[in-house]
Amino acid sequence: MALRITDQCVNCDVCASECPNHAISEGPDHYEIDPARCTECVGHHAEPQCVQVCPVDCIPPDPEHPEDAASLWAKFHRLQCVDTARET
């Protein structure tokens, strides 16, 4: 399941740099997570890094984007292919 950032976000900016998939960006009111790029750090880390560093605990699972472990791994592999192609 992709994660989301709630309106409790204090815009501290620590989560964006921790995301290995570049899924977090500054939104109009607070930071946002692109569900198409969020793998909950599957393939990179054992735990979602944004959740680990968030000082206000405002990054829960996004119920609008349910995914199982297999789909998160598939997304990780797809993103790796896309991101590698961009670098060449």
PDB file of N, CA and C in Angstrom:
ATOM      1  N   MET A   1       0.853  -1.170   0.000  1.00  0.00           N
ATOM      2  CA  MET A   1       0.000   0.000   0.000  1.00  0.00           C
ATOM      3  C   MET A   1       0.897   1.232   0.000  1.00  0.00           C
ATOM      4  N   ALA A   2       0.621   2.152  -0.856  1.00  0.00           N
ATOM      5  CA  ALA A   2       1.359   3.408  -0.846  1.00  0.00           C
ATOM      6  C   ALA A   2       1.077   4.140   0.462  1.00  0.00           C
ATOM      7  N   LEU A   3       1.948   5.051   0.778  1.00  0.00           N
ATOM      8  CA  LEU A   3       1.776   5.871   1.971  1.00  0.00           C
ATOM      9  C   LEU A   3       1.233   7.226   1.562  1.00  0.00           C
ATOM     10  N   ARG A   4       0.766   7.980   2.544  1.00  0.00           N
ATOM     11  CA  ARG A   4       0.299   9.343   2.264  1.00  0.00           C
ATOM     12  C   ARG A   4       0.733  10.235   3.418  1.00  0.00           C
ATOM     13  N   ILE A   5       0.798  11.506   3.164  1.00  0.00           N
ATOM     14  CA  ILE A   5       1.150  12.481   4.191  1.00  0.00           C
ATOM     15  C   ILE A   5      -0.119  13.247   4.531  1.00  0.00           C
ATOM     16  N   THR A   6      -0.449  13.280   5.808  1.00  0.00           N
ATOM     17  CA  THR A   6      -1.678  13.947   6.239  1.00  0.00           C
ATOM     18  C   THR A   6      -1.453  15.448   6.412  1.00  0.00           C
ATOM     19  N   ASP A   7      -2.540  16.153   6.692  1.00  0.00           N
ATOM     20  CA  ASP A   7      -2.442  17.600   6.890  1.00  0.00           C
ATOM     21  C   ASP A   7      -1.796  17.968   8.223  1.00  0.00           C
ATOM     22  N   GLN A   8      -1.379  16.989   8.988  1.00  0.00           N
ATOM     23  CA  GLN A   8      -0.616  17.258  10.214  1.00  0.00           C
ATOM     24  C   GLN A   8       0.852  17.557   9.897  1.00  0.00           C
ATOM     25  N   CYS A   9       1.235  17.416   8.653  1.00  0.00           N
ATOM     26  CA  CYS A   9       2.613  17.681   8.213  1.00  0.00           C
ATOM     27  C   CYS A   9       3.013  19.115   8.562  1.00  0.00           C
ATOM     28  N   VAL A  10       4.215  19.264   9.099  1.00  0.00           N
ATOM     29  CA  VAL A  10       4.719  20.583   9.486  1.00  0.00           C
ATOM     30  C   VAL A  10       5.728  21.124   8.465  1.00  0.00           C
ATOM     31  N   ASN A  11       5.807  20.473   7.299  1.00  0.00           N
ATOM     32  CA  ASN A  11       6.697  20.909   6.218  1.00  0.00           C
ATOM     33  C   ASN A  11       8.151  21.042   6.660  1.00  0.00           C
ATOM     34  N   CYS A  12       8.609  20.075   7.434  1.00  0.00           N
ATOM     35  CA  CYS A  12       9.989  20.129   7.946  1.00  0.00           C
ATOM     36  C   CYS A  12      11.014  19.733   6.889  1.00  0.00           C
ATOM     37  N   ASP A  13      10.585  19.070   5.813  1.00  0.00           N
ATOM     38  CA  ASP A  13      11.439  18.741   4.676  1.00  0.00           C
ATOM     39  C   ASP A  13      12.346  17.531   4.883  1.00  0.00           C
ATOM     40  N   VAL A  14      12.262  16.826   6.001  1.00  0.00           N
ATOM     41  CA  VAL A  14      13.180  15.699   6.196  1.00  0.00           C
ATOM     42  C   VAL A  14      12.778  14.467   5.397  1.00  0.00           C
ATOM     43  N   CYS A  15      11.510  14.276   5.120  1.00  0.00           N
ATOM     44  CA  CYS A  15      11.067  13.059   4.437  1.00  0.00           C
ATOM     45  C   CYS A  15      11.474  13.015   2.966  1.00  0.00           C
ATOM     46  N   ALA A  16      11.420  14.131   2.281  1.00  0.00           N
ATOM     47  CA  ALA A  16      11.668  14.145   0.837  1.00  0.00           C
ATOM     48  C   ALA A  16      13.053  13.610   0.480  1.00  0.00           C
ATOM     49  N   SER A  17      14.050  14.003   1.216  1.00  0.00           N
ATOM     50  CA  SER A  17      15.403  13.557   0.895  1.00  0.00           C
ATOM     51  C   SER A  17      15.647  12.099   1.276  1.00  0.00           C
ATOM     52  N   GLU A  18      14.798  11.527   2.118  1.00  0.00           N
ATOM     53  CA  GLU A  18      14.958  10.137   2.538  1.00  0.00           C
ATOM     54  C   GLU A  18      14.327   9.145   1.561  1.00  0.00           C
ATOM     55  N   CYS A  19      13.466   9.613   0.685  1.00  0.00           N
ATOM     56  CA  CYS A  19      12.732   8.720  -0.210  1.00  0.00           C
ATOM     57  C   CYS A  19      13.619   8.256  -1.366  1.00  0.00           C
ATOM     58  N   PRO A  20      13.919   6.953  -1.438  1.00  0.00           N
ATOM     59  CA  PRO A  20      14.778   6.457  -2.511  1.00  0.00           C
ATOM     60  C   PRO A  20      14.095   6.448  -3.875  1.00  0.00           C
ATOM     61  N   ASN A  21      12.784   6.571  -3.911  1.00  0.00           N
ATOM     62  CA  ASN A  21      12.037   6.554  -5.172  1.00  0.00           C
ATOM     63  C   ASN A  21      11.638   7.944  -5.652  1.00  0.00           C
ATOM     64  N   HIS A  22      12.047   8.964  -4.938  1.00  0.00           N
ATOM     65  CA  HIS A  22      11.697  10.348  -5.284  1.00  0.00           C
ATOM     66  C   HIS A  22      10.178  10.517  -5.404  1.00  0.00           C
ATOM     67  N   ALA A  23       9.465   9.884  -4.472  1.00  0.00           N
ATOM     68  CA  ALA A  23       7.995   9.931  -4.495  1.00  0.00           C
ATOM     69  C   ALA A  23       7.432  11.101  -3.703  1.00  0.00           C
ATOM     70  N   ILE A  24       8.259  11.789  -2.936  1.00  0.00           N
ATOM     71  CA  ILE A  24       7.771  12.854  -2.059  1.00  0.00           C
ATOM     72  C   ILE A  24       8.154  14.217  -2.628  1.00  0.00           C
ATOM     73  N   SER A  25       7.167  15.081  -2.709  1.00  0.00           N
ATOM     74  CA  SER A  25       7.422  16.433  -3.200  1.00  0.00           C
ATOM     75  C   SER A  25       6.579  17.425  -2.409  1.00  0.00           C
ATOM     76  N   GLU A  26       6.947  18.671  -2.533  1.00  0.00           N
ATOM     77  CA  GLU A  26       6.226  19.728  -1.828  1.00  0.00           C
ATOM     78  C   GLU A  26       4.902  19.986  -2.535  1.00  0.00           C
ATOM     79  N   GLY A  27       3.819  19.920  -1.774  1.00  0.00           N
ATOM     80  CA  GLY A  27       2.497  20.193  -2.322  1.00  0.00           C
ATOM     81  C   GLY A  27       2.064  21.603  -1.980  1.00  0.00           C
ATOM     82  N   PRO A  28       0.849  21.987  -2.340  1.00  0.00           N
ATOM     83  CA  PRO A  28       0.391  23.349  -2.072  1.00  0.00           C
ATOM     84  C   PRO A  28       0.281  23.671  -0.583  1.00  0.00           C
ATOM     85  N   ASP A  29      -0.087  22.679   0.230  1.00  0.00           N
ATOM     86  CA  ASP A  29      -0.240  22.925   1.662  1.00  0.00           C
ATOM     87  C   ASP A  29       0.788  22.186   2.509  1.00  0.00           C
ATOM     88  N   HIS A  30       1.201  21.012   2.056  1.00  0.00           N
ATOM     89  CA  HIS A  30       2.177  20.197   2.773  1.00  0.00           C
ATOM     90  C   HIS A  30       2.782  19.206   1.788  1.00  0.00           C
ATOM     91  N   TYR A  31       3.768  18.473   2.227  1.00  0.00           N
ATOM     92  CA  TYR A  31       4.398  17.494   1.356  1.00  0.00           C
ATOM     93  C   TYR A  31       3.398  16.417   0.956  1.00  0.00           C
ATOM     94  N   GLU A  32       3.628  15.828  -0.234  1.00  0.00           N
ATOM     95  CA  GLU A  32       2.736  14.819  -0.776  1.00  0.00           C
ATOM     96  C   GLU A  32       3.550  13.632  -1.276  1.00  0.00           C
ATOM     97  N   ILE A  33       2.912  12.474  -1.315  1.00  0.00           N
ATOM     98  CA  ILE A  33       3.552  11.264  -1.818  1.00  0.00           C
ATOM     99  C   ILE A  33       2.841  10.830  -3.096  1.00  0.00           C
ATOM    100  N   ASP A  34       3.614  10.618  -4.148  1.00  0.00           N
ATOM    101  CA  ASP A  34       3.081  10.120  -5.409  1.00  0.00           C
ATOM    102  C   ASP A  34       2.890   8.609  -5.274  1.00  0.00           C
ATOM    103  N   PRO A  35       1.649   8.125  -5.248  1.00  0.00           N
ATOM    104  CA  PRO A  35       1.425   6.692  -5.052  1.00  0.00           C
ATOM    105  C   PRO A  35       1.995   5.832  -6.176  1.00  0.00           C
ATOM    106  N   ALA A  36       2.205   6.404  -7.336  1.00  0.00           N
ATOM    107  CA  ALA A  36       2.788   5.647  -8.443  1.00  0.00           C
ATOM    108  C   ALA A  36       4.274   5.371  -8.219  1.00  0.00           C
ATOM    109  N   ARG A  37       4.910   6.131  -7.322  1.00  0.00           N
ATOM    110  CA  ARG A  37       6.338   5.956  -7.058  1.00  0.00           C
ATOM    111  C   ARG A  37       6.624   5.387  -5.667  1.00  0.00           C
ATOM    112  N   CYS A  38       5.626   5.349  -4.797  1.00  0.00           N
ATOM    113  CA  CYS A  38       5.843   4.882  -3.426  1.00  0.00           C
ATOM    114  C   CYS A  38       5.801   3.354  -3.359  1.00  0.00           C
ATOM    115  N   THR A  39       6.893   2.768  -2.885  1.00  0.00           N
ATOM    116  CA  THR A  39       6.960   1.314  -2.670  1.00  0.00           C
ATOM    117  C   THR A  39       7.109   0.995  -1.195  1.00  0.00           C
ATOM    118  N   GLU A  40       6.895   1.964  -0.327  1.00  0.00           N
ATOM    119  CA  GLU A  40       7.145   1.808   1.112  1.00  0.00           C
ATOM    120  C   GLU A  40       8.589   1.376   1.355  1.00  0.00           C
ATOM    121  N   CYS A  41       9.462   1.794   0.464  1.00  0.00           N
ATOM    122  CA  CYS A  41      10.907   1.508   0.508  1.00  0.00           C
ATOM    123  C   CYS A  41      11.239   0.039   0.229  1.00  0.00           C
ATOM    124  N   VAL A  42      10.264  -0.740  -0.236  1.00  0.00           N
ATOM    125  CA  VAL A  42      10.540  -2.118  -0.642  1.00  0.00           C
ATOM    126  C   VAL A  42      11.641  -2.083  -1.703  1.00  0.00           C
ATOM    127  N   GLY A  43      12.629  -2.945  -1.527  1.00  0.00           N
ATOM    128  CA  GLY A  43      13.753  -2.996  -2.449  1.00  0.00           C
ATOM    129  C   GLY A  43      14.912  -2.111  -2.035  1.00  0.00           C
ATOM    130  N   HIS A  44      14.674  -1.221  -1.092  1.00  0.00           N
ATOM    131  CA  HIS A  44      15.713  -0.307  -0.624  1.00  0.00           C
ATOM    132  C   HIS A  44      16.002  -0.470   0.868  1.00  0.00           C
ATOM    133  N   HIS A  45      14.958  -0.494   1.669  1.00  0.00           N
ATOM    134  CA  HIS A  45      15.087  -0.526   3.123  1.00  0.00           C
ATOM    135  C   HIS A  45      14.029  -1.447   3.725  1.00  0.00           C
ATOM    136  N   ALA A  46      14.265  -1.885   4.941  1.00  0.00           N
ATOM    137  CA  ALA A  46      13.314  -2.762   5.637  1.00  0.00           C
ATOM    138  C   ALA A  46      12.065  -2.012   6.094  1.00  0.00           C
ATOM    139  N   GLU A  47      12.192  -0.731   6.331  1.00  0.00           N
ATOM    140  CA  GLU A  47      11.079   0.108   6.797  1.00  0.00           C
ATOM    141  C   GLU A  47      10.998   1.363   5.946  1.00  0.00           C
ATOM    142  N   PRO A  48       9.801   1.923   5.769  1.00  0.00           N
ATOM    143  CA  PRO A  48       9.676   3.187   5.037  1.00  0.00           C
ATOM    144  C   PRO A  48      10.483   4.285   5.735  1.00  0.00           C
ATOM    145  N   GLN A  49      11.406   4.854   5.019  1.00  0.00           N
ATOM    146  CA  GLN A  49      12.298   5.855   5.608  1.00  0.00           C
ATOM    147  C   GLN A  49      11.587   7.145   5.971  1.00  0.00           C
ATOM    148  N   CYS A  50      10.584   7.532   5.214  1.00  0.00           N
ATOM    149  CA  CYS A  50       9.852   8.758   5.540  1.00  0.00           C
ATOM    150  C   CYS A  50       9.155   8.615   6.890  1.00  0.00           C
ATOM    151  N   VAL A  51       8.599   7.445   7.139  1.00  0.00           N
ATOM    152  CA  VAL A  51       7.924   7.189   8.412  1.00  0.00           C
ATOM    153  C   VAL A  51       8.938   7.239   9.556  1.00  0.00           C
ATOM    154  N   GLN A  52      10.122   6.695   9.309  1.00  0.00           N
ATOM    155  CA  GLN A  52      11.157   6.652  10.338  1.00  0.00           C
ATOM    156  C   GLN A  52      11.617   8.041  10.766  1.00  0.00           C
ATOM    157  N   VAL A  53      11.688   8.984   9.823  1.00  0.00           N
ATOM    158  CA  VAL A  53      12.230  10.309  10.146  1.00  0.00           C
ATOM    159  C   VAL A  53      11.171  11.361  10.462  1.00  0.00           C
ATOM    160  N   CYS A  54       9.915  11.067  10.209  1.00  0.00           N
ATOM    161  CA  CYS A  54       8.856  12.059  10.415  1.00  0.00           C
ATOM    162  C   CYS A  54       8.726  12.406  11.905  1.00  0.00           C
ATOM    163  N   PRO A  55       8.885  13.681  12.253  1.00  0.00           N
ATOM    164  CA  PRO A  55       8.813  14.063  13.664  1.00  0.00           C
ATOM    165  C   PRO A  55       7.393  14.146  14.229  1.00  0.00           C
ATOM    166  N   VAL A  56       6.380  14.147  13.353  1.00  0.00           N
ATOM    167  CA  VAL A  56       5.004  14.282  13.843  1.00  0.00           C
ATOM    168  C   VAL A  56       4.132  13.068  13.530  1.00  0.00           C
ATOM    169  N   ASP A  57       4.723  12.009  13.008  1.00  0.00           N
ATOM    170  CA  ASP A  57       4.004  10.763  12.761  1.00  0.00           C
ATOM    171  C   ASP A  57       2.757  10.993  11.907  1.00  0.00           C
ATOM    172  N   CYS A  58       2.950  11.600  10.741  1.00  0.00           N
ATOM    173  CA  CYS A  58       1.807  11.938   9.884  1.00  0.00           C
ATOM    174  C   CYS A  58       1.837  11.204   8.545  1.00  0.00           C
ATOM    175  N   ILE A  59       2.472  10.011   8.505  1.00  0.00           N
ATOM    176  CA  ILE A  59       2.579   9.284   7.242  1.00  0.00           C
ATOM    177  C   ILE A  59       2.021   7.868   7.402  1.00  0.00           C
ATOM    178  N   PRO A  60       0.698   7.729   7.310  1.00  0.00           N
ATOM    179  CA  PRO A  60       0.067   6.411   7.406  1.00  0.00           C
ATOM    180  C   PRO A  60      -0.073   5.762   6.024  1.00  0.00           C
ATOM    181  N   PRO A  61      -0.475   4.495   5.991  1.00  0.00           N
ATOM    182  CA  PRO A  61      -0.817   3.867   4.712  1.00  0.00           C
ATOM    183  C   PRO A  61      -1.981   4.606   4.059  1.00  0.00           C
ATOM    184  N   ASP A  62      -1.984   4.616   2.746  1.00  0.00           N
ATOM    185  CA  ASP A  62      -3.039   5.290   1.995  1.00  0.00           C
ATOM    186  C   ASP A  62      -4.103   4.268   1.612  1.00  0.00           C
ATOM    187  N   PRO A  63      -5.278   4.319   2.250  1.00  0.00           N
ATOM    188  CA  PRO A  63      -6.309   3.322   1.959  1.00  0.00           C
ATOM    189  C   PRO A  63      -6.845   3.396   0.529  1.00  0.00           C
ATOM    190  N   GLU A  64      -6.588   4.491  -0.160  1.00  0.00           N
ATOM    191  CA  GLU A  64      -7.036   4.618  -1.543  1.00  0.00           C
ATOM    192  C   GLU A  64      -6.113   3.894  -2.522  1.00  0.00           C
ATOM    193  N   HIS A  65      -4.957   3.427  -2.034  1.00  0.00           N
ATOM    194  CA  HIS A  65      -3.992   2.740  -2.894  1.00  0.00           C
ATOM    195  C   HIS A  65      -3.502   1.449  -2.234  1.00  0.00           C
ATOM    196  N   PRO A  66      -4.400   0.486  -2.070  1.00  0.00           N
ATOM    197  CA  PRO A  66      -3.991  -0.781  -1.444  1.00  0.00           C
ATOM    198  C   PRO A  66      -3.087  -1.592  -2.372  1.00  0.00           C
ATOM    199  N   GLU A  67      -2.003  -2.118  -1.816  1.00  0.00           N
ATOM    200  CA  GLU A  67      -1.080  -2.944  -2.578  1.00  0.00           C
ATOM    201  C   GLU A  67      -0.525  -4.026  -1.656  1.00  0.00           C
ATOM    202  N   ASP A  68      -0.278  -5.184  -2.205  1.00  0.00           N
ATOM    203  CA  ASP A  68       0.351  -6.239  -1.420  1.00  0.00           C
ATOM    204  C   ASP A  68       1.851  -6.228  -1.692  1.00  0.00           C
ATOM    205  N   ALA A  69       2.571  -7.090  -1.005  1.00  0.00           N
ATOM    206  CA  ALA A  69       4.032  -7.126  -1.130  1.00  0.00           C
ATOM    207  C   ALA A  69       4.465  -7.395  -2.572  1.00  0.00           C
ATOM    208  N   ALA A  70       3.772  -8.283  -3.254  1.00  0.00           N
ATOM    209  CA  ALA A  70       4.141  -8.602  -4.639  1.00  0.00           C
ATOM    210  C   ALA A  70       3.995  -7.386  -5.552  1.00  0.00           C
ATOM    211  N   SER A  71       2.947  -6.614  -5.381  1.00  0.00           N
ATOM    212  CA  SER A  71       2.767  -5.439  -6.236  1.00  0.00           C
ATOM    213  C   SER A  71       3.775  -4.340  -5.893  1.00  0.00           C
ATOM    214  N   LEU A  72       4.161  -4.238  -4.614  1.00  0.00           N
ATOM    215  CA  LEU A  72       5.204  -3.266  -4.246  1.00  0.00           C
ATOM    216  C   LEU A  72       6.533  -3.651  -4.879  1.00  0.00           C
ATOM    217  N   TRP A  73       6.863  -4.954  -4.874  1.00  0.00           N
ATOM    218  CA  TRP A  73       8.096  -5.417  -5.526  1.00  0.00           C
ATOM    219  C   TRP A  73       8.044  -5.171  -7.028  1.00  0.00           C
ATOM    220  N   ALA A  74       6.902  -5.410  -7.647  1.00  0.00           N
ATOM    221  CA  ALA A  74       6.756  -5.172  -9.082  1.00  0.00           C
ATOM    222  C   ALA A  74       6.947  -3.690  -9.400  1.00  0.00           C
ATOM    223  N   LYS A  75       6.393  -2.837  -8.563  1.00  0.00           N
ATOM    224  CA  LYS A  75       6.555  -1.394  -8.767  1.00  0.00           C
ATOM    225  C   LYS A  75       8.022  -0.996  -8.600  1.00  0.00           C
ATOM    226  N   PHE A  76       8.687  -1.568  -7.593  1.00  0.00           N
ATOM    227  CA  PHE A  76      10.114  -1.306  -7.393  1.00  0.00           C
ATOM    228  C   PHE A  76      10.896  -1.653  -8.659  1.00  0.00           C
ATOM    229  N   HIS A  77      10.663  -2.840  -9.213  1.00  0.00           N
ATOM    230  CA  HIS A  77      11.393  -3.261 -10.412  1.00  0.00           C
ATOM    231  C   HIS A  77      11.070  -2.371 -11.607  1.00  0.00           C
ATOM    232  N   ARG A  78       9.809  -1.989 -11.753  1.00  0.00           N
ATOM    233  CA  ARG A  78       9.427  -1.086 -12.851  1.00  0.00           C
ATOM    234  C   ARG A  78      10.119   0.260 -12.706  1.00  0.00           C
ATOM    235  N   LEU A  79      10.125   0.809 -11.486  1.00  0.00           N
ATOM    236  CA  LEU A  79      10.771   2.101 -11.254  1.00  0.00           C
ATOM    237  C   LEU A  79      12.274   2.026 -11.507  1.00  0.00           C
ATOM    238  N   GLN A  80      12.899   0.930 -11.141  1.00  0.00           N
ATOM    239  CA  GLN A  80      14.333   0.784 -11.370  1.00  0.00           C
ATOM    240  C   GLN A  80      14.639   0.793 -12.861  1.00  0.00           C
ATOM    241  N   CYS A  81      13.805   0.147 -13.655  1.00  0.00           N
ATOM    242  CA  CYS A  81      14.005   0.138 -15.109  1.00  0.00           C
ATOM    243  C   CYS A  81      13.800   1.535 -15.694  1.00  0.00           C
ATOM    244  N   VAL A  82      12.766   2.221 -15.253  1.00  0.00           N
ATOM    245  CA  VAL A  82      12.481   3.573 -15.750  1.00  0.00           C
ATOM    246  C   VAL A  82      13.577   4.536 -15.337  1.00  0.00           C
ATOM    247  N   ASP A  83      13.972   4.509 -14.061  1.00  0.00           N
ATOM    248  CA  ASP A  83      14.993   5.430 -13.574  1.00  0.00           C
ATOM    249  C   ASP A  83      16.353   5.154 -14.197  1.00  0.00           C
ATOM    250  N   THR A  84      16.674   3.893 -14.452  1.00  0.00           N
ATOM    251  CA  THR A  84      17.938   3.545 -15.107  1.00  0.00           C
ATOM    252  C   THR A  84      17.929   4.040 -16.544  1.00  0.00           C
ATOM    253  N   ALA A  85      16.814   3.921 -17.227  1.00  0.00           N
ATOM    254  CA  ALA A  85      16.708   4.392 -18.596  1.00  0.00           C
ATOM    255  C   ALA A  85      16.866   5.910 -18.683  1.00  0.00           C
ATOM    256  N   ARG A  86      16.390   6.636 -17.676  1.00  0.00           N
ATOM    257  CA  ARG A  86      16.530   8.096 -17.655  1.00  0.00           C
ATOM    258  C   ARG A  86      17.988   8.516 -17.510  1.00  0.00           C
ATOM    259  N   GLU A  87      18.776   7.702 -16.815  1.00  0.00           N
ATOM    260  CA  GLU A  87      20.186   8.054 -16.565  1.00  0.00           C
ATOM    261  C   GLU A  87      21.052   7.882 -17.799  1.00  0.00           C
ATOM    262  N   THR A  88      20.617   7.051 -18.757  1.00  0.00           N
ATOM    263  CA  THR A  88      21.450   6.820 -19.943  1.00  0.00           C
ATOM    264  C   THR A  88      21.127   7.746 -21.057  1.00  0.00           C
TER     265      THR A  88
END
